[in-house]
Amino acid sequence: MTTTLQERIEPRLEQVMDLSSAVIAGLVAGTIFFLVLVFVAPIFFEFNAWVYVRLFASVFLGDTILAPPATFDGTALGVALGTHLGLSVLFSLAIAFVFHRWGLLVGILGGALFGCALYLINFHAMNQFFPWFVQMRGWDMLIGHALFGAVAGGVYEALEIEEWVEVEGSEG
């Protein structure tokens, strides 16, 4: 492979994703999403907040946790928080990986679109494994997922410490 004179003088650099910022963004966005679904969505959509908690918990506890009454359950809350925040960090890492090169505005808008894609995956494609998710499809979940993505992308971009590494194969 031949290199140009400019490549020999100025090595090619590539921006690297900031993992710690992505993890923090996932925790922040996941917490905001959880709080909005538990405290705000029930006001607008007249829904019991514990249904959301039990829905998140059902990923690991199965559909039996969804049985009425939808009241406080410590196990469901613990599993729901662990599941939700774990997935939030994972999804935030994906958002950061895709959008980390383009700045705050693209992070927010791209994150929101990514959140909408997550909604489609979670409530349409995952129905094969979690058929009870069909009942939770709706504007509240779509808006929540878009909000999650926008916050994750925005917080990541706001916290990101830009680091550049030399692309392998370029010589300085």
Protein backbone atom coordinates (compact mmCIF):
# COMPACT_ATOMS: atom_id res chain seq x y z
CA MET A 1 0.00 0.00 0.00
CA THR A 2 1.46 3.30 -0.97
CA THR A 3 1.10 6.39 1.14
CA THR A 4 1.01 9.93 -0.09
CA LEU A 5 3.49 12.53 1.07
CA GLN A 6 0.75 14.24 3.11
CA GLU A 7 -0.10 10.96 4.90
CA ARG A 8 3.56 10.55 5.80
CA ILE A 9 3.78 14.08 7.17
CA GLU A 10 0.34 14.25 8.83
CA PRO A 11 -0.84 10.90 10.18
CA ARG A 12 -4.55 10.16 9.90
CA LEU A 13 -6.39 10.45 13.18
CA GLU A 14 -9.70 8.94 14.23
CA GLN A 15 -11.92 10.03 17.08
CA VAL A 16 -12.46 7.37 19.73
CA MET A 17 -15.70 6.88 21.63
CA ASP A 18 -15.57 7.92 25.30
CA LEU A 19 -16.84 4.85 27.18
CA SER A 20 -17.25 6.47 30.59
CA SER A 21 -19.34 9.29 29.12
CA ALA A 22 -21.52 6.73 27.32
CA VAL A 23 -22.11 4.79 30.55
CA ILE A 24 -23.00 7.97 32.46
CA ALA A 25 -25.29 9.06 29.61
CA GLY A 26 -27.04 5.69 29.74
CA LEU A 27 -27.59 5.95 33.49
CA VAL A 28 -28.87 9.53 33.25
CA ALA A 29 -31.15 8.85 30.26
CA GLY A 30 -32.39 5.58 31.76
CA THR A 31 -33.20 7.26 35.06
CA ILE A 32 -35.05 10.11 33.36
CA PHE A 33 -36.99 7.67 31.15
CA PHE A 34 -37.91 5.55 34.18
CA LEU A 35 -39.03 8.57 36.23
CA VAL A 36 -41.08 9.98 33.35
CA LEU A 37 -42.86 6.65 32.81
CA VAL A 38 -43.51 6.12 36.50
CA PHE A 39 -44.49 9.66 37.55
CA VAL A 40 -45.47 11.67 34.45
CA ALA A 41 -47.00 9.22 31.96
CA PRO A 42 -49.69 7.99 34.38
CA ILE A 43 -50.97 11.57 34.67
CA PHE A 44 -51.40 11.99 30.91
CA PHE A 45 -52.31 8.45 29.97
CA GLU A 46 -54.28 7.47 33.10
CA PHE A 47 -52.18 4.39 33.68
CA ASN A 48 -51.00 2.73 36.88
CA ALA A 49 -47.26 3.41 37.30
CA TRP A 50 -46.63 -0.03 38.78
CA VAL A 51 -47.64 -1.59 35.46
CA TYR A 52 -44.53 0.00 33.90
CA VAL A 53 -42.34 -1.26 36.75
CA ARG A 54 -43.72 -4.76 36.39
CA LEU A 55 -43.31 -4.61 32.61
CA PHE A 56 -39.58 -3.90 32.98
CA ALA A 57 -39.29 -6.66 35.58
CA SER A 58 -41.10 -9.15 33.33
CA VAL A 59 -38.06 -9.37 31.05
CA PHE A 60 -36.40 -11.54 33.73
CA LEU A 61 -39.29 -12.55 35.99
CA GLY A 62 -41.69 -13.58 33.23
CA ASP A 63 -45.29 -12.61 32.64
CA THR A 64 -46.48 -13.85 36.06
CA ILE A 65 -45.22 -10.59 37.61
CA LEU A 66 -47.81 -8.75 35.50
CA ALA A 67 -50.76 -10.39 37.28
CA PRO A 68 -53.03 -8.01 39.20
CA PRO A 69 -52.94 -6.18 41.45
CA ALA A 70 -50.39 -3.77 40.00
CA THR A 71 -49.14 -2.53 43.36
CA PHE A 72 -45.73 -2.10 44.97
CA ASP A 73 -43.50 -5.16 44.85
CA GLY A 74 -39.92 -4.75 46.07
CA THR A 75 -38.58 -7.60 43.98
CA ALA A 76 -40.25 -6.26 40.86
CA LEU A 77 -38.88 -2.76 41.53
CA GLY A 78 -35.32 -4.05 42.05
CA VAL A 79 -35.37 -6.26 38.98
CA ALA A 80 -37.04 -3.51 36.92
CA LEU A 81 -34.38 -0.95 37.87
CA GLY A 82 -31.55 -3.39 37.22
CA THR A 83 -32.98 -4.49 33.89
CA HIS A 84 -33.87 -0.99 32.76
CA LEU A 85 -30.59 0.66 33.74
CA GLY A 86 -28.53 -2.22 32.35
CA LEU A 87 -30.30 -1.99 29.00
CA SER A 88 -30.07 1.80 29.11
CA VAL A 89 -26.28 1.64 29.41
CA LEU A 90 -26.11 -0.93 26.60
CA PHE A 91 -28.30 1.19 24.31
CA SER A 92 -26.41 4.36 25.22
CA LEU A 93 -23.15 2.66 24.23
CA ALA A 94 -24.73 1.91 20.86
CA ILE A 95 -25.93 5.52 20.48
CA ALA A 96 -22.47 6.84 21.39
CA PHE A 97 -20.81 4.43 18.96
CA VAL A 98 -23.01 5.56 16.08
CA PHE A 99 -23.18 9.30 16.74
CA HIS A 100 -20.00 10.25 18.64
CA ARG A 101 -18.32 11.99 15.72
CA TRP A 102 -20.95 14.60 14.86
CA GLY A 103 -21.60 16.83 17.86
CA LEU A 104 -24.43 17.78 20.18
CA LEU A 105 -27.27 18.44 17.72
CA VAL A 106 -26.74 15.19 15.82
CA GLY A 107 -26.34 13.37 19.14
CA ILE A 108 -29.73 14.61 20.31
CA LEU A 109 -31.62 14.17 17.02
CA GLY A 110 -29.87 10.94 16.09
CA GLY A 111 -30.40 9.63 19.61
CA ALA A 112 -34.13 10.41 19.38
CA LEU A 113 -34.37 8.50 16.09
CA PHE A 114 -32.38 5.65 17.62
CA GLY A 115 -34.85 5.66 20.53
CA CYS A 116 -37.75 5.37 18.09
CA ALA A 117 -36.00 2.40 16.47
CA LEU A 118 -35.61 0.85 19.93
CA TYR A 119 -39.35 1.27 20.47
CA LEU A 120 -40.04 -0.62 17.23
CA ILE A 121 -37.64 -3.37 18.23
CA ASN A 122 -38.88 -3.62 21.82
CA PHE A 123 -42.61 -3.52 21.12
CA HIS A 124 -42.86 -5.10 17.69
CA ALA A 125 -39.88 -7.42 17.05
CA MET A 126 -39.48 -8.66 20.65
CA ASN A 127 -43.11 -9.79 20.82
CA GLN A 128 -41.95 -13.21 19.77
CA PHE A 129 -40.19 -13.53 23.15
CA PHE A 130 -42.41 -11.24 25.24
CA PRO A 131 -45.94 -11.44 23.77
CA TRP A 132 -47.38 -9.35 26.61
CA PHE A 133 -45.44 -6.30 25.32
CA VAL A 134 -48.13 -5.89 22.62
CA GLN A 135 -50.45 -4.43 25.26
CA MET A 136 -47.89 -1.72 26.11
CA ARG A 137 -47.58 -0.31 22.59
CA GLY A 138 -48.54 3.33 22.50
CA TRP A 139 -47.57 6.96 22.34
CA ASP A 140 -46.32 6.96 25.91
CA MET A 141 -43.70 4.32 25.17
CA LEU A 142 -42.76 5.82 21.81
CA ILE A 143 -42.27 9.27 23.33
CA GLY A 144 -40.38 7.74 26.25
CA HIS A 145 -38.00 5.90 23.93
CA ALA A 146 -37.42 9.02 21.81
CA LEU A 147 -36.78 11.02 24.98
CA PHE A 148 -34.36 8.36 26.20
CA GLY A 149 -32.40 8.44 22.94
CA ALA A 150 -32.30 12.24 22.80
CA VAL A 151 -31.10 12.51 26.40
CA ALA A 152 -28.55 9.72 25.96
CA GLY A 153 -27.13 11.30 22.80
CA GLY A 154 -27.14 14.81 24.26
CA VAL A 155 -25.61 13.87 27.61
CA TYR A 156 -22.96 11.78 25.87
CA GLU A 157 -21.98 14.64 23.58
CA ALA A 158 -21.98 17.12 26.48
CA LEU A 159 -19.72 14.91 28.61
CA GLU A 160 -17.54 13.44 25.87
CA ILE A 161 -13.83 14.03 26.21
CA GLU A 162 -12.57 13.96 22.66
CA GLU A 163 -9.70 11.59 22.13
CA TRP A 164 -7.98 10.94 18.86
CA VAL A 165 -5.81 7.98 17.90
CA GLU A 166 -3.65 7.41 14.89
CA VAL A 167 -5.30 5.16 12.35
CA GLU A 168 -3.43 1.91 11.97
CA GLY A 169 -1.30 1.83 8.88
CA SER A 170 -0.57 5.55 8.77
CA GLU A 171 2.93 6.59 9.53
CA GLY A 172 4.05 9.85 11.07
